[in-house]
Amino acid sequence: MCIGIPMQVIEADGRFALCEGRGERRRINTALVGDVIRGDWLLVFIDDAREHIDADRAAEVNAALDLVLGAMQGAELPGDIDFALPSQMTPEQMRALTGA
């Protein structure tokens, strides 16, 4: 399974960018997303940017990753956490989820 990590561009250099996210700084290949500038948010898989995202989407993905990490570490999770399966989402929710 591959998990996308939101990372923010610190410095752009041609097809690569120095990015920070979730406590780490990495050199990311940006060939698949085109030009990036300082402050852009990217969804990164391994060391490749796959998608431009906005700050709100980055916060959503980070919140979900925090929940997954907490569950893996055995943390008590609030009882009101609810994740809708894609098959139970409205077309509008699916478009928001997929960025379409």
Protein backbone atom coordinates (compact mmCIF):
# COMPACT_ATOMS: atom_id res chain seq x y z
CA MET A 1 0.00 0.00 0.00
CA CYS A 2 1.27 3.44 -0.89
CA ILE A 3 0.35 6.45 1.23
CA GLY A 4 0.58 10.01 -0.03
CA ILE A 5 2.24 12.52 2.28
CA PRO A 6 1.44 16.24 2.07
CA MET A 7 4.65 18.23 1.72
CA GLN A 8 5.21 21.95 1.26
CA VAL A 9 7.75 23.32 -1.20
CA ILE A 10 10.62 25.12 0.53
CA GLU A 11 12.74 25.64 -2.56
CA ALA A 12 12.16 24.80 -6.24
CA ASP A 13 14.98 23.76 -8.56
CA GLY A 14 13.91 22.71 -12.05
CA ARG A 15 12.32 19.24 -11.92
CA PHE A 16 13.02 18.92 -8.21
CA ALA A 17 11.98 20.72 -5.05
CA LEU A 18 13.12 20.69 -1.45
CA CYS A 19 9.97 19.96 0.55
CA GLU A 20 8.95 19.60 4.20
CA GLY A 21 6.17 17.53 5.65
CA ARG A 22 5.38 15.38 8.70
CA GLY A 23 8.68 16.21 10.36
CA GLU A 24 11.01 15.51 7.48
CA ARG A 25 12.70 17.40 4.66
CA ARG A 26 13.25 15.66 1.30
CA ARG A 27 14.23 16.32 -2.30
CA ILE A 28 11.14 15.58 -4.40
CA ASN A 29 10.84 14.93 -8.14
CA THR A 30 8.19 17.30 -9.52
CA ALA A 31 8.20 16.14 -13.16
CA LEU A 32 4.64 14.78 -12.92
CA VAL A 33 3.11 18.00 -11.54
CA GLY A 34 4.97 20.64 -13.52
CA ASP A 35 6.34 23.89 -12.17
CA VAL A 36 6.15 24.51 -8.44
CA ILE A 37 6.99 27.52 -6.31
CA ARG A 38 7.85 28.08 -2.66
CA GLY A 39 4.75 27.55 -0.52
CA ASP A 40 2.99 25.10 -2.87
CA TRP A 41 1.56 21.96 -1.29
CA LEU A 42 2.16 18.62 -3.00
CA LEU A 43 0.89 15.11 -2.37
CA VAL A 44 4.05 13.00 -2.41
CA PHE A 45 4.39 9.25 -2.90
CA ILE A 46 7.88 7.97 -2.04
CA ASP A 47 9.96 10.80 -3.57
CA ASP A 48 7.64 11.86 -6.42
CA ALA A 49 5.01 14.59 -6.33
CA ARG A 50 1.79 13.27 -7.85
CA GLU A 51 -0.61 16.14 -7.28
CA HIS A 52 -0.82 19.84 -6.36
CA ILE A 53 -3.12 20.23 -3.33
CA ASP A 54 -4.25 23.22 -1.30
CA ALA A 55 -3.49 23.85 2.38
CA ASP A 56 -6.94 22.63 3.47
CA ARG A 57 -6.50 19.30 1.69
CA ALA A 58 -3.00 18.97 3.18
CA ALA A 59 -4.51 19.47 6.65
CA GLU A 60 -7.20 16.84 5.96
CA VAL A 61 -4.67 14.26 4.79
CA ASN A 62 -2.38 15.00 7.75
CA ALA A 63 -5.31 14.61 10.17
CA ALA A 64 -6.18 11.23 8.64
CA LEU A 65 -2.53 10.12 8.81
CA ASP A 66 -2.41 11.20 12.48
CA LEU A 67 -5.45 8.99 13.18
CA VAL A 68 -3.85 6.02 11.40
CA LEU A 69 -0.59 6.51 13.30
CA GLY A 70 -2.48 6.77 16.59
CA ALA A 71 -4.40 3.57 15.85
CA MET A 72 -1.17 1.75 14.97
CA GLN A 73 0.33 2.89 18.27
CA GLY A 74 -2.71 1.74 20.25
CA ALA A 75 -4.01 5.20 21.14
CA GLU A 76 -7.56 5.68 22.36
CA LEU A 77 -9.54 7.23 19.52
CA PRO A 78 -12.67 9.35 19.99
CA GLY A 79 -15.87 7.37 19.49
CA ASP A 80 -17.31 9.85 17.00
CA ILE A 81 -14.72 9.25 14.27
CA ASP A 82 -16.47 8.09 11.13
CA PHE A 83 -15.05 7.32 7.71
CA ALA A 84 -17.47 6.96 4.84
CA LEU A 85 -16.71 4.27 2.31
CA PRO A 86 -16.55 5.57 -1.27
CA SER A 87 -19.50 3.34 -2.16
CA GLN A 88 -21.61 5.23 0.41
CA MET A 89 -20.63 8.73 -0.74
CA THR A 90 -22.69 11.10 -2.85
CA PRO A 91 -21.30 12.13 -6.26
CA GLU A 92 -20.41 15.55 -4.76
CA GLN A 93 -18.47 13.90 -1.92
CA MET A 94 -16.62 11.67 -4.38
CA ARG A 95 -15.65 14.68 -6.50
CA ALA A 96 -14.36 16.48 -3.38
CA LEU A 97 -12.44 13.37 -2.31
CA THR A 98 -10.83 12.80 -5.69
CA GLY A 99 -10.33 16.44 -6.62
CA ALA A 100 -12.36 16.00 -9.81
